[in-house]
N, C-alpha and C. Protein backbone atom coordinates (compact mmCIF):
# COMPACT_ATOMS: atom_id res chain seq x y z
N ARG A 1 37.59 86.89 -46.32
CA ARG A 1 37.02 86.23 -45.15
C ARG A 1 36.20 85.00 -45.59
N HIS A 2 35.41 85.16 -46.57
CA HIS A 2 34.63 84.04 -47.11
C HIS A 2 35.54 82.93 -47.61
N HIS A 3 36.60 83.31 -48.29
CA HIS A 3 37.55 82.33 -48.82
C HIS A 3 38.24 81.57 -47.69
N LEU A 4 38.51 82.25 -46.62
CA LEU A 4 39.15 81.63 -45.47
C LEU A 4 38.23 80.55 -44.87
N PHE A 5 36.94 80.87 -44.71
CA PHE A 5 35.96 79.89 -44.22
C PHE A 5 35.84 78.71 -45.17
N SER A 6 35.79 79.02 -46.42
CA SER A 6 35.68 77.99 -47.45
C SER A 6 36.90 77.07 -47.41
N LEU A 7 38.08 77.68 -47.28
CA LEU A 7 39.33 76.90 -47.22
C LEU A 7 39.31 76.02 -45.97
N ARG A 8 38.92 76.62 -44.83
CA ARG A 8 38.84 75.86 -43.57
C ARG A 8 37.85 74.69 -43.70
N HIS A 9 36.74 74.96 -44.32
CA HIS A 9 35.73 73.93 -44.53
C HIS A 9 36.30 72.78 -45.37
N HIS A 10 36.99 73.14 -46.45
CA HIS A 10 37.59 72.12 -47.32
C HIS A 10 38.68 71.33 -46.59
N LEU A 11 39.44 71.99 -45.73
CA LEU A 11 40.48 71.29 -44.97
C LEU A 11 39.86 70.29 -43.99
N PHE A 12 38.79 70.72 -43.30
CA PHE A 12 38.08 69.81 -42.38
C PHE A 12 37.49 68.63 -43.15
N SER A 13 36.93 68.94 -44.27
CA SER A 13 36.34 67.90 -45.11
C SER A 13 37.41 66.91 -45.57
N LEU A 14 38.55 67.45 -46.00
CA LEU A 14 39.67 66.63 -46.44
C LEU A 14 40.15 65.75 -45.27
N ARG A 15 40.30 66.38 -44.08
CA ARG A 15 40.73 65.65 -42.90
C ARG A 15 39.74 64.52 -42.57
N HIS A 16 38.46 64.85 -42.66
CA HIS A 16 37.42 63.84 -42.41
C HIS A 16 37.56 62.67 -43.40
N HIS A 17 37.75 62.98 -44.68
CA HIS A 17 37.90 61.92 -45.69
C HIS A 17 39.17 61.11 -45.49
N LEU A 18 40.24 61.76 -45.05
CA LEU A 18 41.49 61.03 -44.77
C LEU A 18 41.30 60.07 -43.60
N PHE A 19 40.61 60.51 -42.53
CA PHE A 19 40.33 59.64 -41.38
C PHE A 19 39.45 58.46 -41.82
N SER A 20 38.48 58.80 -42.62
CA SER A 20 37.56 57.77 -43.13
C SER A 20 38.33 56.75 -43.98
N LEU A 21 39.21 57.25 -44.83
CA LEU A 21 40.04 56.38 -45.68
C LEU A 21 40.92 55.50 -44.80
N ARG A 22 41.54 56.11 -43.78
CA ARG A 22 42.39 55.36 -42.86
C ARG A 22 41.59 54.25 -42.16
N HIS A 23 40.39 54.61 -41.72
CA HIS A 23 39.51 53.64 -41.07
C HIS A 23 39.22 52.46 -42.02
N HIS A 24 38.87 52.76 -43.27
CA HIS A 24 38.58 51.70 -44.23
C HIS A 24 39.80 50.85 -44.56
N LEU A 25 40.97 51.48 -44.58
CA LEU A 25 42.20 50.72 -44.83
C LEU A 25 42.49 49.76 -43.68
N PHE A 26 42.30 50.24 -42.43
CA PHE A 26 42.49 49.36 -41.27
C PHE A 26 41.49 48.20 -41.30
N SER A 27 40.26 48.54 -41.64
CA SER A 27 39.20 47.54 -41.73
C SER A 27 39.55 46.49 -42.80
N LEU A 28 40.02 46.98 -43.95
CA LEU A 28 40.42 46.09 -45.04
C LEU A 28 41.56 45.18 -44.59
N ARG A 29 42.55 45.77 -43.92
CA ARG A 29 43.69 45.00 -43.41
C ARG A 29 43.20 43.92 -42.44
N HIS A 30 42.28 44.29 -41.56
CA HIS A 30 41.72 43.34 -40.60
C HIS A 30 41.05 42.18 -41.34
N HIS A 31 40.24 42.48 -42.35
CA HIS A 31 39.54 41.42 -43.10
C HIS A 31 40.52 40.56 -43.89
N LEU A 32 41.57 41.16 -44.40
CA LEU A 32 42.57 40.37 -45.14
C LEU A 32 43.31 39.42 -44.20
N LEU A 33 43.64 39.90 -43.00
CA LEU A 33 44.31 39.05 -42.02
C LEU A 33 43.38 37.91 -41.59
N SER A 34 42.12 38.26 -41.40
CA SER A 34 41.12 37.26 -41.03
C SER A 34 40.99 36.20 -42.13
N LEU A 35 40.95 36.66 -43.37
CA LEU A 35 40.86 35.75 -44.51
C LEU A 35 42.08 34.84 -44.55
N ARG A 36 43.26 35.42 -44.35
CA ARG A 36 44.50 34.64 -44.34
C ARG A 36 44.43 33.57 -43.25
N HIS A 37 43.95 33.96 -42.08
CA HIS A 37 43.80 33.02 -40.97
C HIS A 37 42.88 31.86 -41.36
N HIS A 38 41.72 32.17 -41.96
CA HIS A 38 40.78 31.14 -42.36
C HIS A 38 41.33 30.24 -43.46
N LEU A 39 42.12 30.82 -44.35
CA LEU A 39 42.73 30.01 -45.41
C LEU A 39 43.75 29.03 -44.83
N PHE A 40 44.54 29.49 -43.84
CA PHE A 40 45.50 28.60 -43.19
C PHE A 40 44.76 27.49 -42.44
N SER A 41 43.69 27.88 -41.78
CA SER A 41 42.88 26.92 -41.04
C SER A 41 42.28 25.88 -42.01
N LEU A 42 41.76 26.34 -43.12
CA LEU A 42 41.20 25.45 -44.14
C LEU A 42 42.27 24.50 -44.66
N ARG A 43 43.45 25.04 -44.95
CA ARG A 43 44.56 24.21 -45.42
C ARG A 43 44.90 23.13 -44.40
N HIS A 44 44.93 23.53 -43.13
CA HIS A 44 45.21 22.58 -42.04
C HIS A 44 44.17 21.46 -42.03
N HIS A 45 42.87 21.83 -42.13
CA HIS A 45 41.81 20.82 -42.10
C HIS A 45 41.86 19.92 -43.35
N LEU A 46 42.25 20.48 -44.47
CA LEU A 46 42.37 19.65 -45.69
C LEU A 46 43.50 18.64 -45.54
N PHE A 47 44.63 19.06 -44.97
CA PHE A 47 45.74 18.13 -44.74
C PHE A 47 45.32 17.05 -43.76
N SER A 48 44.61 17.47 -42.73
CA SER A 48 44.13 16.52 -41.72
C SER A 48 43.16 15.52 -42.36
N LEU A 49 42.27 16.01 -43.19
CA LEU A 49 41.32 15.15 -43.89
C LEU A 49 42.06 14.16 -44.79
N ARG A 50 43.04 14.67 -45.53
CA ARG A 50 43.85 13.81 -46.41
C ARG A 50 44.53 12.71 -45.60
N HIS A 51 45.08 13.08 -44.45
CA HIS A 51 45.74 12.12 -43.57
C HIS A 51 44.75 11.03 -43.14
N HIS A 52 43.53 11.44 -42.71
CA HIS A 52 42.54 10.46 -42.26
C HIS A 52 42.07 9.58 -43.41
N LEU A 53 41.99 10.13 -44.61
CA LEU A 53 41.59 9.32 -45.76
C LEU A 53 42.64 8.27 -46.09
N PHE A 54 43.93 8.66 -46.02
CA PHE A 54 45.01 7.69 -46.26
C PHE A 54 44.99 6.61 -45.19
N SER A 55 44.76 7.03 -43.96
CA SER A 55 44.69 6.09 -42.83
C SER A 55 43.52 5.12 -43.04
N LEU A 56 42.38 5.64 -43.44
CA LEU A 56 41.20 4.83 -43.70
C LEU A 56 41.49 3.83 -44.82
N ARG A 57 42.12 4.31 -45.89
CA ARG A 57 42.47 3.44 -47.02
C ARG A 57 43.38 2.31 -46.55
N HIS A 58 44.35 2.65 -45.71
CA HIS A 58 45.28 1.66 -45.16
C HIS A 58 44.52 0.59 -44.38
N HIS A 59 43.58 1.04 -43.51
CA HIS A 59 42.81 0.09 -42.69
C HIS A 59 41.90 -0.77 -43.56
N LEU A 60 41.37 -0.20 -44.63
CA LEU A 60 40.50 -0.99 -45.52
C LEU A 60 41.31 -2.06 -46.24
N PHE A 61 42.53 -1.71 -46.69
CA PHE A 61 43.40 -2.70 -47.34
C PHE A 61 43.77 -3.80 -46.35
N SER A 62 44.06 -3.39 -45.13
CA SER A 62 44.42 -4.34 -44.08
C SER A 62 43.24 -5.27 -43.80
N LEU A 63 42.04 -4.70 -43.70
CA LEU A 63 40.84 -5.48 -43.46
C LEU A 63 40.62 -6.48 -44.61
N ARG A 64 40.77 -6.01 -45.83
CA ARG A 64 40.62 -6.87 -47.01
C ARG A 64 41.60 -8.04 -46.95
N HIS A 65 42.84 -7.72 -46.57
CA HIS A 65 43.88 -8.75 -46.44
C HIS A 65 43.45 -9.81 -45.42
N HIS A 66 42.95 -9.35 -44.24
CA HIS A 66 42.54 -10.29 -43.20
C HIS A 66 41.33 -11.11 -43.63
N LEU A 67 40.43 -10.50 -44.39
CA LEU A 67 39.27 -11.25 -44.88
C LEU A 67 39.69 -12.33 -45.87
N PHE A 68 40.64 -12.02 -46.76
CA PHE A 68 41.14 -13.02 -47.71
C PHE A 68 41.83 -14.15 -46.95
N SER A 69 42.60 -13.77 -45.94
CA SER A 69 43.29 -14.75 -45.12
C SER A 69 42.29 -15.65 -44.39
N LEU A 70 41.26 -15.05 -43.83
CA LEU A 70 40.21 -15.79 -43.13
C LEU A 70 39.52 -16.76 -44.10
N ARG A 71 39.20 -16.28 -45.28
CA ARG A 71 38.56 -17.12 -46.29
C ARG A 71 39.45 -18.31 -46.63
N HIS A 72 40.74 -18.05 -46.79
CA HIS A 72 41.70 -19.12 -47.07
C HIS A 72 41.68 -20.17 -45.96
N HIS A 73 41.69 -19.70 -44.69
CA HIS A 73 41.70 -20.64 -43.56
C HIS A 73 40.39 -21.42 -43.49
N LEU A 74 39.29 -20.78 -43.84
CA LEU A 74 37.99 -21.48 -43.83
C LEU A 74 37.96 -22.57 -44.91
N TYR A 75 38.49 -22.27 -46.10
CA TYR A 75 38.56 -23.28 -47.16
C TYR A 75 39.45 -24.44 -46.73
N SER A 76 40.56 -24.08 -46.10
CA SER A 76 41.50 -25.09 -45.61
C SER A 76 40.83 -25.97 -44.56
N LEU A 77 40.09 -25.36 -43.64
CA LEU A 77 39.39 -26.09 -42.59
C LEU A 77 38.36 -27.03 -43.22
N ARG A 78 37.62 -26.53 -44.19
CA ARG A 78 36.61 -27.36 -44.87
C ARG A 78 37.27 -28.56 -45.55
N HIS A 79 38.39 -28.28 -46.18
CA HIS A 79 39.15 -29.35 -46.83
C HIS A 79 39.53 -30.42 -45.81
N HIS A 80 40.03 -30.01 -44.63
CA HIS A 80 40.42 -30.96 -43.60
C HIS A 80 39.22 -31.72 -43.05
N GLN A 81 38.09 -31.05 -42.96
CA GLN A 81 36.87 -31.72 -42.49
C GLN A 81 36.46 -32.83 -43.47
N PHE A 82 36.53 -32.52 -44.76
CA PHE A 82 36.20 -33.54 -45.78
C PHE A 82 37.18 -34.70 -45.69
N SER A 83 38.43 -34.37 -45.49
CA SER A 83 39.47 -35.38 -45.39
C SER A 83 39.23 -36.29 -44.18
N VAL A 84 38.91 -35.69 -43.04
CA VAL A 84 38.63 -36.46 -41.81
C VAL A 84 37.41 -37.36 -42.05
N ARG A 85 36.37 -36.79 -42.63
CA ARG A 85 35.16 -37.57 -42.92
C ARG A 85 35.47 -38.75 -43.85
N HIS A 86 36.27 -38.47 -44.85
CA HIS A 86 36.68 -39.52 -45.80
C HIS A 86 37.41 -40.64 -45.05
N HIS A 87 38.36 -40.29 -44.17
CA HIS A 87 39.12 -41.29 -43.41
C HIS A 87 38.22 -42.06 -42.46
N LEU A 88 37.23 -41.40 -41.88
CA LEU A 88 36.30 -42.09 -40.98
C LEU A 88 35.45 -43.11 -41.75
N PHE A 89 34.98 -42.71 -42.95
CA PHE A 89 34.22 -43.66 -43.78
C PHE A 89 35.10 -44.84 -44.18
N SER A 90 36.32 -44.54 -44.52
CA SER A 90 37.27 -45.59 -44.91
C SER A 90 37.51 -46.54 -43.75
N LEU A 91 37.72 -45.99 -42.56
CA LEU A 91 37.95 -46.79 -41.35
C LEU A 91 36.73 -47.67 -41.08
N ARG A 92 35.54 -47.10 -41.17
CA ARG A 92 34.31 -47.86 -40.96
C ARG A 92 34.19 -49.02 -41.95
N HIS A 93 34.54 -48.70 -43.19
CA HIS A 93 34.51 -49.73 -44.24
C HIS A 93 35.46 -50.88 -43.88
N HIS A 94 36.68 -50.53 -43.43
CA HIS A 94 37.67 -51.55 -43.07
C HIS A 94 37.23 -52.34 -41.84
N LEU A 95 36.57 -51.67 -40.90
CA LEU A 95 36.07 -52.37 -39.71
C LEU A 95 34.96 -53.37 -40.08
N PHE A 96 34.05 -52.95 -40.98
CA PHE A 96 33.00 -53.86 -41.45
C PHE A 96 33.63 -55.05 -42.17
N SER A 97 34.62 -54.75 -42.98
CA SER A 97 35.31 -55.79 -43.73
C SER A 97 36.00 -56.77 -42.78
N LEU A 98 36.66 -56.24 -41.76
CA LEU A 98 37.35 -57.06 -40.76
C LEU A 98 36.33 -57.94 -40.02
N ARG A 99 35.22 -57.35 -39.62
CA ARG A 99 34.17 -58.08 -38.92
C ARG A 99 33.63 -59.23 -39.80
N HIS A 100 33.44 -58.89 -41.06
CA HIS A 100 32.98 -59.89 -42.02
C HIS A 100 33.97 -61.06 -42.09
N HIS A 101 35.28 -60.73 -42.18
CA HIS A 101 36.31 -61.78 -42.26
C HIS A 101 36.38 -62.59 -40.98
N LEU A 102 36.18 -61.94 -39.84
CA LEU A 102 36.20 -62.65 -38.56
C LEU A 102 35.01 -63.62 -38.46
N PHE A 103 33.83 -63.19 -38.89
CA PHE A 103 32.66 -64.07 -38.91
C PHE A 103 32.90 -65.25 -39.83
N SER A 104 33.48 -64.90 -40.97
CA SER A 104 33.76 -65.92 -41.98
C SER A 104 34.74 -66.95 -41.42
N LEU A 105 35.77 -66.48 -40.74
CA LEU A 105 36.80 -67.34 -40.14
C LEU A 105 36.17 -68.22 -39.06
N ARG A 106 35.33 -67.63 -38.22
CA ARG A 106 34.66 -68.35 -37.15
C ARG A 106 33.74 -69.44 -37.73
N HIS A 107 33.11 -69.10 -38.82
CA HIS A 107 32.22 -70.03 -39.49
C HIS A 107 33.00 -71.26 -40.00
N HIS A 108 34.23 -70.99 -40.53
CA HIS A 108 35.06 -72.06 -41.08
C HIS A 108 35.70 -72.92 -40.01
N LEU A 109 35.82 -72.40 -38.80
CA LEU A 109 36.49 -73.17 -37.73
C LEU A 109 35.61 -74.15 -37.03
């Protein structure tokens, strides 16, 4: 009779430990699935970040290109301004010279 109680007690105890083990295995499975989900999510965000970094790099190169182009046009504009100024001084010089010759001619007549 004592052995029967003892056996029953051990069977209940064993059953309890098996349920407990099953519970922990389900819990472990849940955490592993959750971890897998977070890893996929992290991978997604890393790809997204990489994409935005490449996009940013592209825009920075494009911006640099436009700045070089702008600088080129500004140098070109400055060059034309100097050229125009030079031609205006030259024209003024020729007008003074012409005026001088006209006065000189009038004086001789």
